[in-house]
């Protein structure tokens, strides 16, 4: 991989011209912006605010672009890696007015982001990228992370389009390289891609780092002229000591690719409690010996690779350009590591996804078995005993009208400009037997989910919830105030 990057860099350095290259030869009918944000924002804008602690607060698209300028050393700025500081997104922003270059992605100076970026669940809309800018092979909102943290980032209506000329570019919509004990947690990416090769919807490569509680959606991914042009529907490469945990990738339509598992090319880390969904494969080019198997979790699971409780939908009765074929579903094309409970799932009615075999879990209250996708995801969350892991629910929010599992407190249509502070809200008593009371806000709607992620109670306009009669166990209480802000808390019910 390092040699590939050196070759890519040498090719870019031989490109003629200054630092700006306009978007040309686009593959689709979509009209791309003609300028890059880093060329438009030449001085620090008002929306880029540095507080007394040195932390940064972002209030506008121009301010976010200035983060890219400074982290890459453009426009006469000294490179800043933001180590030890927090960058907070303080408002929803729209990046569709110009092309984006990644924060800390300029490879000729080894720009790296070392800070903490908190998106606060504000929406970054319209992030648009295209290959062809000198000195960049990395693509994404971020280029390279090292010892960094990204959290609560929401990217919607994102678009990447490769140029017909230029070389191969690596990247993912959120970041290209996540390395050196970085953490990516609770992020949502909604993107569309028209690519040549080297792009994944979320992150390209993960090494000695963790990606958790993340969700990817893409209505369309097209790859030109390459059967392996889509390296993974979540991550391309998982290197040793990487951990991909409690994540999902939902792709409505995509060109068929041999690398269409959750981790596309190879896995040397741990992939745990994740699922992938591909709705429709298009433009199948075929192999000399016929179609290759669909790799549900990864292409190659290496000797240090571990896969636990990962699920992928069957691609049967696949529609080719003029014929039907049967896909051979399997978790990996080759396996030298560990694979446990990695099986396909099929649809049996709207919102009811069944595993092809039962999975057994050893929980505190005894052994349970299930062939339900939603149950399996939540049983594994319970088994891991990690309070940071999010529960899965069938909330009625459907991608491609499929009503696939999403996080219980997730609805991008209700994303608010501010999230309620944990310190403001108290839910008591806990444990509870008869009722629980909410203090710190005026609840407009309260939903209670059981350990399987099933909605068991909904109340409106009250801060008291009657839990008498509920089966003893752990419940997730989701509270929404009048402004659409959400707060969640686990509550134990005793009989």
Protein backbone atom coordinates (compact mmCIF):
# COMPACT_ATOMS: atom_id res chain seq x y z
CA UNK A 1 0.00 0.00 0.00
CA UNK A 2 2.85 2.40 0.81
CA UNK A 3 4.37 1.81 -2.63
CA UNK A 4 1.03 2.53 -4.28
CA UNK A 5 0.84 5.81 -2.42
CA UNK A 6 4.38 6.77 -3.51
CA UNK A 7 3.54 6.06 -7.12
CA UNK A 8 0.33 8.07 -6.84
CA UNK A 9 2.22 10.99 -5.33
CA UNK A 10 4.89 10.93 -8.05
CA UNK A 11 2.18 10.95 -10.70
CA UNK A 12 0.50 13.92 -9.09
CA UNK A 13 3.77 15.85 -8.79
CA UNK A 14 4.30 15.49 -12.53
CA UNK A 15 0.98 17.14 -13.29
CA UNK A 16 1.32 20.53 -14.88
CA UNK A 17 -0.17 23.79 -13.65
CA UNK A 18 -0.68 25.59 -10.34
CA UNK A 19 -2.60 24.43 -7.36
CA UNK A 20 -6.08 24.75 -8.85
CA UNK A 21 -7.48 22.29 -11.35
CA UNK A 22 -11.08 22.80 -12.41
CA UNK A 23 -13.55 19.93 -12.49
CA UNK A 24 -13.71 18.65 -16.05
CA UNK A 25 -14.69 15.50 -17.94
CA UNK A 26 -17.31 14.59 -15.37
CA UNK A 27 -18.90 11.18 -15.78
CA UNK A 28 -22.48 11.98 -14.91
CA UNK A 29 -25.03 14.60 -15.80
CA UNK A 30 -24.58 16.26 -12.42
CA UNK A 31 -23.11 19.74 -12.70
CA UNK A 32 -20.13 20.04 -10.38
CA UNK A 33 -18.88 23.29 -8.85
CA UNK A 34 -15.94 24.87 -10.67
CA UNK A 35 -13.97 26.07 -7.63
CA UNK A 36 -12.49 24.54 -4.51
CA UNK A 37 -13.32 25.89 -1.08
CA UNK A 38 -9.61 26.30 -0.25
CA UNK A 39 -9.27 28.70 -3.19
CA UNK A 40 -12.31 30.73 -2.20
CA UNK A 41 -11.53 31.14 1.51
CA UNK A 42 -8.19 32.97 1.55
CA UNK A 43 -8.36 34.47 5.04
CA UNK A 44 -9.85 33.48 8.39
CA UNK A 45 -13.64 34.02 8.29
CA UNK A 46 -15.78 35.32 11.14
CA UNK A 47 -17.42 31.92 11.62
CA UNK A 48 -14.08 30.39 12.70
CA UNK A 49 -13.85 31.21 16.42
CA UNK A 50 -10.97 30.29 18.72
CA UNK A 51 -11.81 30.43 22.43
CA UNK A 52 -9.55 31.11 25.41
CA UNK A 53 -8.54 27.43 25.63
CA UNK A 54 -7.48 27.30 22.00
CA UNK A 55 -10.49 25.20 21.01
CA UNK A 56 -12.18 26.03 17.71
CA UNK A 57 -15.88 26.63 17.04
CA UNK A 58 -17.19 26.34 13.46
CA UNK A 59 -20.30 28.34 12.47
CA UNK A 60 -20.23 28.37 8.65
CA UNK A 61 -19.11 26.54 5.50
CA UNK A 62 -16.33 29.07 5.08
CA UNK A 63 -15.11 28.34 8.61
CA UNK A 64 -15.01 24.60 7.96
CA UNK A 65 -13.11 25.30 4.75
CA UNK A 66 -10.62 27.37 6.76
CA UNK A 67 -9.97 24.25 8.84
CA UNK A 68 -8.91 22.55 5.60
CA UNK A 69 -6.77 25.57 4.63
CA UNK A 70 -4.92 25.66 7.94
CA UNK A 71 -4.51 21.88 8.35
CA UNK A 72 -2.96 21.64 4.86
CA UNK A 73 -0.88 24.82 4.94
CA UNK A 74 -2.66 26.59 2.09
CA UNK A 75 -2.84 30.34 1.47
CA UNK A 76 0.34 31.12 3.38
CA UNK A 77 -0.80 29.43 6.62
CA UNK A 78 1.43 27.34 8.83
CA UNK A 79 0.20 23.77 9.13
CA UNK A 80 -1.78 23.09 12.30
CA UNK A 81 -2.56 19.49 13.33
CA UNK A 82 -4.91 20.61 16.20
CA UNK A 83 -3.31 18.20 18.64
CA UNK A 84 -4.81 18.41 22.13
CA UNK A 85 -7.64 20.70 21.02
CA UNK A 86 -11.32 20.30 20.24
CA UNK A 87 -13.07 21.51 17.10
CA UNK A 88 -16.86 21.85 17.51
CA UNK A 89 -19.39 22.27 14.73
CA UNK A 90 -21.90 24.79 16.09
CA UNK A 91 -24.44 24.96 13.25
CA UNK A 92 -25.75 23.13 10.20
CA UNK A 93 -23.77 24.05 7.08
CA UNK A 94 -24.02 23.60 3.31
CA UNK A 95 -20.85 22.76 1.35
CA UNK A 96 -22.48 22.31 -2.06
CA UNK A 97 -21.25 25.68 -3.36
CA UNK A 98 -17.68 24.47 -4.05
CA UNK A 99 -15.53 21.34 -4.24
CA UNK A 100 -14.06 19.98 -1.03
CA UNK A 101 -10.49 19.02 -0.21
CA UNK A 102 -9.96 16.93 2.94
CA UNK A 103 -8.91 18.35 6.27
CA UNK A 104 -5.29 17.21 6.75
CA UNK A 105 -5.02 15.40 3.43
CA UNK A 106 -2.10 17.06 1.62
CA UNK A 107 0.42 14.26 1.20
CA UNK A 108 3.46 16.23 0.07
CA UNK A 109 3.73 17.75 3.56
CA UNK A 110 2.23 14.77 5.47
CA UNK A 111 -0.63 16.79 6.92
CA UNK A 112 -2.31 14.84 9.76
CA UNK A 113 -5.22 15.68 12.08
CA UNK A 114 -4.49 14.90 15.74
CA UNK A 115 -7.42 16.71 17.39
CA UNK A 116 -10.97 15.99 18.53
CA UNK A 117 -13.78 16.94 16.15
CA UNK A 118 -17.33 16.97 17.56
CA UNK A 119 -20.04 17.44 14.95
CA UNK A 120 -22.70 17.78 17.67
CA UNK A 121 -25.12 16.04 15.26
CA UNK A 122 -25.33 19.16 13.11
CA UNK A 123 -25.75 18.42 9.41
CA UNK A 124 -22.95 18.95 6.90
CA UNK A 125 -24.86 18.94 3.63
CA UNK A 126 -23.62 18.71 0.06
CA UNK A 127 -19.97 17.76 0.56
CA UNK A 128 -18.79 17.35 -3.05
CA UNK A 129 -15.45 15.90 -4.14
CA UNK A 130 -13.67 14.99 -7.34
CA UNK A 131 -10.19 13.72 -8.13
CA UNK A 132 -7.70 15.90 -9.95
CA UNK A 133 -6.21 18.32 -7.40
CA UNK A 134 -2.37 18.25 -7.29
CA UNK A 135 -0.71 16.68 -4.25
CA UNK A 136 -3.88 14.89 -3.14
CA UNK A 137 -4.55 11.19 -3.43
CA UNK A 138 -6.65 11.26 -0.25
CA UNK A 139 -10.34 12.11 -0.39
CA UNK A 140 -12.92 12.59 2.36
CA UNK A 141 -14.09 15.16 4.87
CA UNK A 142 -10.80 14.27 6.59
CA UNK A 143 -7.63 12.93 5.02
CA UNK A 144 -5.43 11.28 7.64
CA UNK A 145 -6.23 10.88 11.34
CA UNK A 146 -3.61 9.96 13.93
CA UNK A 147 -4.57 9.68 17.60
CA UNK A 148 -7.68 11.71 16.72
CA UNK A 149 -11.38 11.44 17.56
CA UNK A 150 -14.34 12.12 15.26
CA UNK A 151 -17.81 11.98 16.80
CA UNK A 152 -21.43 12.97 16.13
CA UNK A 153 -20.81 13.89 12.47
CA UNK A 154 -23.75 13.86 10.06
CA UNK A 155 -22.93 14.08 6.32
CA UNK A 156 -25.94 14.17 4.00
CA UNK A 157 -26.36 14.57 0.22
CA UNK A 158 -22.65 13.96 -0.28
CA UNK A 159 -21.26 13.24 -3.75
CA UNK A 160 -17.93 12.02 -5.12
CA UNK A 161 -17.14 11.80 -8.81
CA UNK A 162 -13.84 10.58 -10.23
CA UNK A 163 -12.45 12.28 -13.32
CA UNK A 164 -11.78 10.36 -16.50
CA UNK A 165 -8.14 11.39 -16.29
CA UNK A 166 -5.78 11.55 -13.38
CA UNK A 167 -4.80 8.31 -11.46
CA UNK A 168 -6.38 6.37 -8.68
CA UNK A 169 -7.49 8.14 -5.55
CA UNK A 170 -8.05 6.60 -2.16
CA UNK A 171 -10.62 7.76 0.33
CA UNK A 172 -13.94 7.47 2.09
CA UNK A 173 -16.57 10.11 2.60
CA UNK A 174 -15.77 10.59 6.28
CA UNK A 175 -12.00 9.98 6.15
CA UNK A 176 -9.29 8.31 4.13
CA UNK A 177 -6.92 6.93 6.78
CA UNK A 178 -7.83 6.31 10.45
CA UNK A 179 -4.65 5.39 12.31
CA UNK A 180 -2.73 5.30 15.60
CA UNK A 181 -5.46 4.78 18.19
CA UNK A 182 -7.97 7.10 16.58
CA UNK A 183 -11.67 6.78 17.36
CA UNK A 184 -14.58 7.33 14.99
CA UNK A 185 -17.87 7.08 16.88
CA UNK A 186 -21.54 7.84 16.25
CA UNK A 187 -21.26 9.19 12.70
CA UNK A 188 -23.74 9.02 9.84
CA UNK A 189 -22.84 9.36 6.15
CA UNK A 190 -25.31 9.60 3.27
CA UNK A 191 -23.45 9.70 -0.05
CA UNK A 192 -23.52 8.93 -3.76
CA UNK A 193 -20.41 7.94 -5.67
CA UNK A 194 -19.37 7.71 -9.33
CA UNK A 195 -15.83 6.34 -9.10
CA UNK A 196 -12.97 4.66 -10.94
CA UNK A 197 -11.41 2.83 -7.99
CA UNK A 198 -10.08 3.34 -4.52
CA UNK A 199 -13.12 4.85 -2.78
CA UNK A 200 -15.32 3.44 -0.04
CA UNK A 201 -18.51 5.05 1.24
CA UNK A 202 -17.20 5.63 4.77
CA UNK A 203 -13.47 5.13 5.50
CA UNK A 204 -10.77 3.79 3.19
CA UNK A 205 -8.35 2.27 5.70
CA UNK A 206 -8.40 1.68 9.44
CA UNK A 207 -5.29 0.74 11.42
CA UNK A 208 -4.84 0.36 15.19
CA UNK A 209 -8.08 2.33 15.67
CA UNK A 210 -11.79 1.89 16.40
CA UNK A 211 -14.90 2.67 14.34
CA UNK A 212 -18.10 2.21 16.34
CA UNK A 213 -21.82 3.04 16.24
CA UNK A 214 -21.67 4.33 12.66
CA UNK A 215 -24.22 4.12 9.87
CA UNK A 216 -23.72 4.57 6.12
CA UNK A 217 -26.39 4.99 3.47
CA UNK A 218 -25.92 5.40 -0.27
CA UNK A 219 -28.67 5.55 -2.89
CA UNK A 220 -26.18 4.77 -5.68
CA UNK A 221 -22.54 3.73 -6.15
CA UNK A 222 -21.20 3.45 -9.71
CA UNK A 223 -17.72 2.15 -10.61
CA UNK A 224 -16.38 2.61 -14.10
CA UNK A 225 -14.51 -0.11 -15.91
CA UNK A 226 -13.47 -2.23 -12.93
CA UNK A 227 -15.12 -5.21 -11.29
CA UNK A 228 -13.18 -4.53 -8.10
CA UNK A 229 -13.64 -0.76 -8.18
CA UNK A 230 -15.75 -0.67 -5.02
CA UNK A 231 -13.50 -1.77 -2.16
CA UNK A 232 -16.06 -2.35 0.54
CA UNK A 233 -19.42 -0.87 1.42
CA UNK A 234 -18.11 0.44 4.76
CA UNK A 235 -14.29 0.25 4.85
CA UNK A 236 -11.77 -0.81 2.21
CA UNK A 237 -8.97 -2.20 4.41
CA UNK A 238 -8.89 -3.10 8.11
CA UNK A 239 -5.27 -3.40 9.23
CA UNK A 240 -4.07 -5.11 12.45
CA UNK A 241 -5.43 -3.83 15.77
CA UNK A 242 -8.41 -2.18 14.09
CA UNK A 243 -11.87 -2.70 15.54
CA UNK A 244 -15.06 -2.09 13.55
CA UNK A 245 -17.92 -2.45 16.00
CA UNK A 246 -21.71 -2.08 15.86
CA UNK A 247 -21.92 -0.47 12.41
CA UNK A 248 -24.08 -0.85 9.29
CA UNK A 249 -23.89 0.04 5.61
CA UNK A 250 -27.02 0.28 3.47
CA UNK A 251 -26.48 0.55 -0.30
CA UNK A 252 -29.61 0.82 -2.44
CA UNK A 253 -28.01 0.33 -5.89
CA UNK A 254 -24.41 -0.36 -6.91
CA UNK A 255 -22.26 -1.78 -9.68
CA UNK A 256 -21.44 -5.38 -8.92
CA UNK A 257 -17.98 -5.82 -7.38
CA UNK A 258 -16.04 -8.73 -5.96
CA UNK A 259 -15.05 -6.39 -3.11
CA UNK A 260 -18.54 -5.57 -1.87
CA UNK A 261 -18.28 -6.87 1.69
CA UNK A 262 -18.41 -4.64 4.74
CA UNK A 263 -14.60 -4.53 4.57
CA UNK A 264 -13.88 -4.95 0.92
CA UNK A 265 -10.27 -5.94 0.25
CA UNK A 266 -8.91 -7.61 3.36
CA UNK A 267 -9.32 -7.71 7.12
CA UNK A 268 -6.55 -8.11 9.68
CA UNK A 269 -8.50 -6.63 12.59
CA UNK A 270 -11.81 -7.31 14.36
CA UNK A 271 -15.21 -6.80 12.72
CA UNK A 272 -17.99 -7.28 15.24
CA UNK A 273 -21.79 -6.93 15.31
CA UNK A 274 -22.20 -5.23 11.94
CA UNK A 275 -24.49 -5.74 8.99
CA UNK A 276 -24.43 -4.82 5.32
CA UNK A 277 -27.27 -4.46 2.85
CA UNK A 278 -27.13 -4.15 -0.93
CA UNK A 279 -30.48 -3.64 -2.61
CA UNK A 280 -29.71 -4.02 -6.31
CA UNK A 281 -26.59 -4.78 -8.31
CA UNK A 282 -26.36 -3.17 -11.74
CA UNK A 283 -24.17 -3.46 -14.83
CA UNK A 284 -22.61 -6.84 -14.09
CA UNK A 285 -19.65 -7.33 -16.41
CA UNK A 286 -19.06 -11.04 -15.80
CA UNK A 287 -15.96 -13.17 -15.35
CA UNK A 288 -14.37 -15.64 -17.70
CA UNK A 289 -15.62 -18.46 -15.50
CA UNK A 290 -18.87 -16.79 -14.50
CA UNK A 291 -19.76 -14.69 -11.47
CA UNK A 292 -17.52 -14.79 -8.42
CA UNK A 293 -19.00 -15.27 -4.96
CA UNK A 294 -20.42 -12.29 -3.11
CA UNK A 295 -18.15 -11.69 -0.11
CA UNK A 296 -20.57 -10.67 2.62
CA UNK A 297 -18.10 -9.44 5.26
CA UNK A 298 -14.66 -9.17 3.63
CA UNK A 299 -12.61 -10.31 0.66
CA UNK A 300 -9.74 -11.94 2.53
CA UNK A 301 -9.78 -12.53 6.29
CA UNK A 302 -6.09 -12.60 7.23
CA UNK A 303 -4.33 -14.62 9.95
CA UNK A 304 -5.05 -11.94 12.58
CA UNK A 305 -8.55 -11.25 11.25
CA UNK A 306 -11.54 -11.89 13.53
CA UNK A 307 -15.18 -11.67 12.47
CA UNK A 308 -18.02 -12.09 14.99
CA UNK A 309 -21.76 -11.71 14.51
CA UNK A 310 -21.77 -9.98 11.15
CA UNK A 311 -24.66 -10.29 8.71
CA UNK A 312 -25.26 -9.58 5.03
CA UNK A 313 -28.29 -9.93 2.78
CA UNK A 314 -28.43 -12.57 0.10
CA UNK A 315 -28.01 -11.45 -3.50
CA UNK A 316 -30.12 -14.11 -5.16
CA UNK A 317 -31.86 -13.80 -8.52
CA UNK A 318 -29.42 -11.05 -9.38
CA UNK A 319 -30.45 -9.14 -12.52
CA UNK A 320 -27.55 -8.79 -14.93
CA UNK A 321 -27.52 -6.71 -18.08
CA UNK A 322 -29.73 -9.26 -19.82
CA UNK A 323 -29.91 -12.37 -17.64
CA UNK A 324 -30.40 -13.79 -14.16
CA UNK A 325 -27.69 -15.49 -12.12
CA UNK A 326 -27.42 -17.02 -8.68
CA UNK A 327 -24.83 -15.53 -6.32
CA UNK A 328 -22.85 -17.76 -3.97
CA UNK A 329 -23.05 -15.98 -0.60
CA UNK A 330 -20.20 -16.41 1.85
CA UNK A 331 -18.63 -14.25 4.60
CA UNK A 332 -15.16 -14.14 2.97
CA UNK A 333 -13.47 -15.31 -0.21
CA UNK A 334 -10.55 -16.69 1.81
CA UNK A 335 -10.11 -17.14 5.55
CA UNK A 336 -6.94 -17.61 7.60
CA UNK A 337 -8.38 -16.14 10.80
CA UNK A 338 -11.54 -16.55 12.87
CA UNK A 339 -15.11 -16.28 11.60
CA UNK A 340 -18.03 -16.94 13.97
CA UNK A 341 -21.73 -16.28 13.41
CA UNK A 342 -21.34 -14.56 10.06
CA UNK A 343 -24.38 -15.54 8.00
CA UNK A 344 -26.70 -14.10 5.36
CA UNK A 345 -30.19 -12.81 6.09
CA UNK A 346 -33.29 -12.71 3.91
CA UNK A 347 -36.47 -10.66 3.93
CA UNK A 348 -39.71 -12.23 5.11
CA UNK A 349 -42.14 -9.37 4.91
CA UNK A 350 -41.52 -5.66 5.33
CA UNK A 351 -39.19 -4.96 8.23
CA UNK A 352 -38.70 -8.63 9.12
CA UNK A 353 -35.20 -9.80 8.27
CA UNK A 354 -34.41 -13.42 9.11
CA UNK A 355 -30.97 -15.01 9.43
CA UNK A 356 -30.45 -18.18 7.44
CA UNK A 357 -29.57 -19.98 10.67
CA UNK A 358 -30.14 -19.47 14.38
CA UNK A 359 -27.46 -17.73 16.44
CA UNK A 360 -27.01 -18.52 20.14
CA UNK A 361 -25.93 -16.04 22.84
CA UNK A 362 -24.89 -16.61 26.45
CA UNK A 363 -26.51 -13.69 28.30
CA UNK A 364 -26.76 -12.98 32.03
CA UNK A 365 -30.22 -14.51 32.23
CA UNK A 366 -29.28 -17.65 30.31
CA UNK A 367 -28.87 -18.89 26.77
CA UNK A 368 -31.02 -17.42 24.00
CA UNK A 369 -31.20 -18.26 20.30
CA UNK A 370 -32.64 -16.22 17.47
CA UNK A 371 -32.83 -16.07 13.70
CA UNK A 372 -34.03 -12.43 13.69
CA UNK A 373 -31.54 -9.80 12.50
CA UNK A 374 -32.70 -7.11 14.92
CA UNK A 375 -32.63 -9.48 17.89
CA UNK A 376 -29.18 -10.76 16.98
CA UNK A 377 -27.70 -7.25 16.84
CA UNK A 378 -29.17 -6.30 20.23
CA UNK A 379 -28.27 -9.59 21.92
CA UNK A 380 -24.65 -9.01 20.93
CA UNK A 381 -24.79 -5.46 22.37
CA UNK A 382 -25.97 -6.98 25.66
CA UNK A 383 -23.29 -9.66 25.53
CA UNK A 384 -20.47 -7.12 25.14
CA UNK A 385 -21.49 -5.21 28.30
CA UNK A 386 -20.37 -1.90 26.79
CA UNK A 387 -22.45 1.12 27.80
CA UNK A 388 -21.04 3.08 24.85
CA UNK A 389 -22.71 0.78 22.31
CA UNK A 390 -26.00 1.97 20.82
CA UNK A 391 -29.10 -0.20 20.69
CA UNK A 392 -30.80 -1.10 17.41
CA UNK A 393 -34.50 -0.52 16.69
CA UNK A 394 -37.06 -0.87 13.94
CA UNK A 395 -38.12 2.77 14.19
CA UNK A 396 -40.07 2.96 10.95
CA UNK A 397 -37.35 5.01 9.28
CA UNK A 398 -36.86 3.15 6.02
CA UNK A 399 -33.97 3.33 3.57
CA UNK A 400 -35.13 2.26 0.12
CA UNK A 401 -38.43 1.41 1.87
CA UNK A 402 -36.77 -1.56 3.54
CA UNK A 403 -37.18 -0.59 7.22
CA UNK A 404 -33.78 -2.00 8.11
CA UNK A 405 -32.48 -1.72 11.70
CA UNK A 406 -31.12 1.69 12.71
CA UNK A 407 -29.99 3.08 16.04
CA UNK A 408 -32.86 3.65 18.44
CA UNK A 409 -32.20 7.37 18.84
CA UNK A 410 -31.44 7.91 15.15
CA UNK A 411 -33.58 9.89 12.76
CA UNK A 412 -31.68 12.29 10.56
CA UNK A 413 -34.94 14.09 9.73
CA UNK A 414 -35.13 15.14 13.40
CA UNK A 415 -31.50 16.27 13.71
CA UNK A 416 -31.48 19.43 15.79
CA UNK A 417 -29.19 22.42 15.89
CA UNK A 418 -28.41 21.58 19.50
CA UNK A 419 -28.49 18.39 21.52
CA UNK A 420 -29.73 18.31 25.07
CA UNK A 421 -26.96 18.20 27.63
CA UNK A 422 -26.78 15.01 29.67
CA UNK A 423 -26.35 17.12 32.81
CA UNK A 424 -29.72 18.80 32.27
CA UNK A 425 -31.81 15.64 32.34
CA UNK A 426 -32.48 13.21 35.17
CA UNK A 427 -34.57 10.05 34.96
CA UNK A 428 -35.50 8.50 38.32
CA UNK A 429 -35.93 6.21 40.15
CA UNK A 430 -33.58 3.78 38.47
CA UNK A 431 -34.22 0.87 38.99
CA UNK A 432 -37.99 1.48 38.90
CA UNK A 433 -41.07 -0.63 39.70
CA UNK A 434 -44.13 1.57 39.10
CA UNK A 435 -43.17 4.75 37.27
CA UNK A 436 -40.19 6.88 36.22
CA UNK A 437 -40.05 10.67 36.23
CA UNK A 438 -38.11 12.90 33.85
CA UNK A 439 -36.62 16.17 35.10
CA UNK A 440 -34.65 18.83 33.23
CA UNK A 441 -36.90 19.36 30.23
CA UNK A 442 -40.53 19.28 29.15
CA UNK A 443 -41.05 16.02 27.30
CA UNK A 444 -43.12 16.20 24.12
CA UNK A 445 -42.82 12.50 23.36
CA UNK A 446 -41.31 9.56 25.22
CA UNK A 447 -40.69 6.13 23.69
CA UNK A 448 -39.67 3.04 25.62
CA UNK A 449 -37.82 0.16 23.88
CA UNK A 450 -37.15 -3.28 25.31
CA UNK A 451 -33.87 -5.20 25.16
CA UNK A 452 -34.76 -6.49 21.68
CA UNK A 453 -35.15 -2.96 20.34
CA UNK A 454 -38.94 -3.27 20.14
CA UNK A 455 -41.09 -0.24 20.93
CA UNK A 456 -43.25 -1.17 23.94
CA UNK A 457 -44.66 2.17 25.08
CA UNK A 458 -45.21 5.70 23.75
CA UNK A 459 -46.52 8.64 25.77
CA UNK A 460 -46.91 12.30 24.82
CA UNK A 461 -47.00 15.52 26.77
CA UNK A 462 -46.01 14.08 30.15
CA UNK A 463 -42.82 13.64 32.18
CA UNK A 464 -44.09 10.53 33.99
CA UNK A 465 -44.05 7.06 32.46
CA UNK A 466 -45.89 4.12 33.97
CA UNK A 467 -43.63 1.07 33.78
CA UNK A 468 -45.76 -1.22 35.94
CA UNK A 469 -46.57 -4.36 34.02
CA UNK A 470 -43.41 -4.30 31.91
CA UNK A 471 -41.29 -7.44 32.07
CA UNK A 472 -38.29 -7.12 34.34
CA UNK A 473 -35.18 -6.07 32.42
CA UNK A 474 -33.27 -3.19 30.85
CA UNK A 475 -35.17 -0.63 28.73
CA UNK A 476 -34.08 2.27 26.56
CA UNK A 477 -36.06 5.48 27.17
CA UNK A 478 -35.96 7.96 24.29
CA UNK A 479 -37.13 11.48 25.22
CA UNK A 480 -37.91 14.23 22.72
CA UNK A 481 -38.62 17.83 23.71
CA UNK A 482 -40.81 20.36 21.88
CA UNK A 483 -37.86 21.50 19.73
CA UNK A 484 -37.09 17.99 18.49
CA UNK A 485 -33.98 17.48 20.62
CA UNK A 486 -33.38 13.92 21.79
CA UNK A 487 -32.06 12.38 24.98
CA UNK A 488 -31.76 8.68 25.75
CA UNK A 489 -31.27 6.77 28.99
CA UNK A 490 -31.22 3.11 30.00
CA UNK A 491 -33.65 2.27 32.81
CA UNK A 492 -33.87 -0.99 34.76
CA UNK A 493 -37.41 -2.20 35.53
CA UNK A 494 -37.92 -4.47 38.52
CA UNK A 495 -41.03 -6.53 39.14
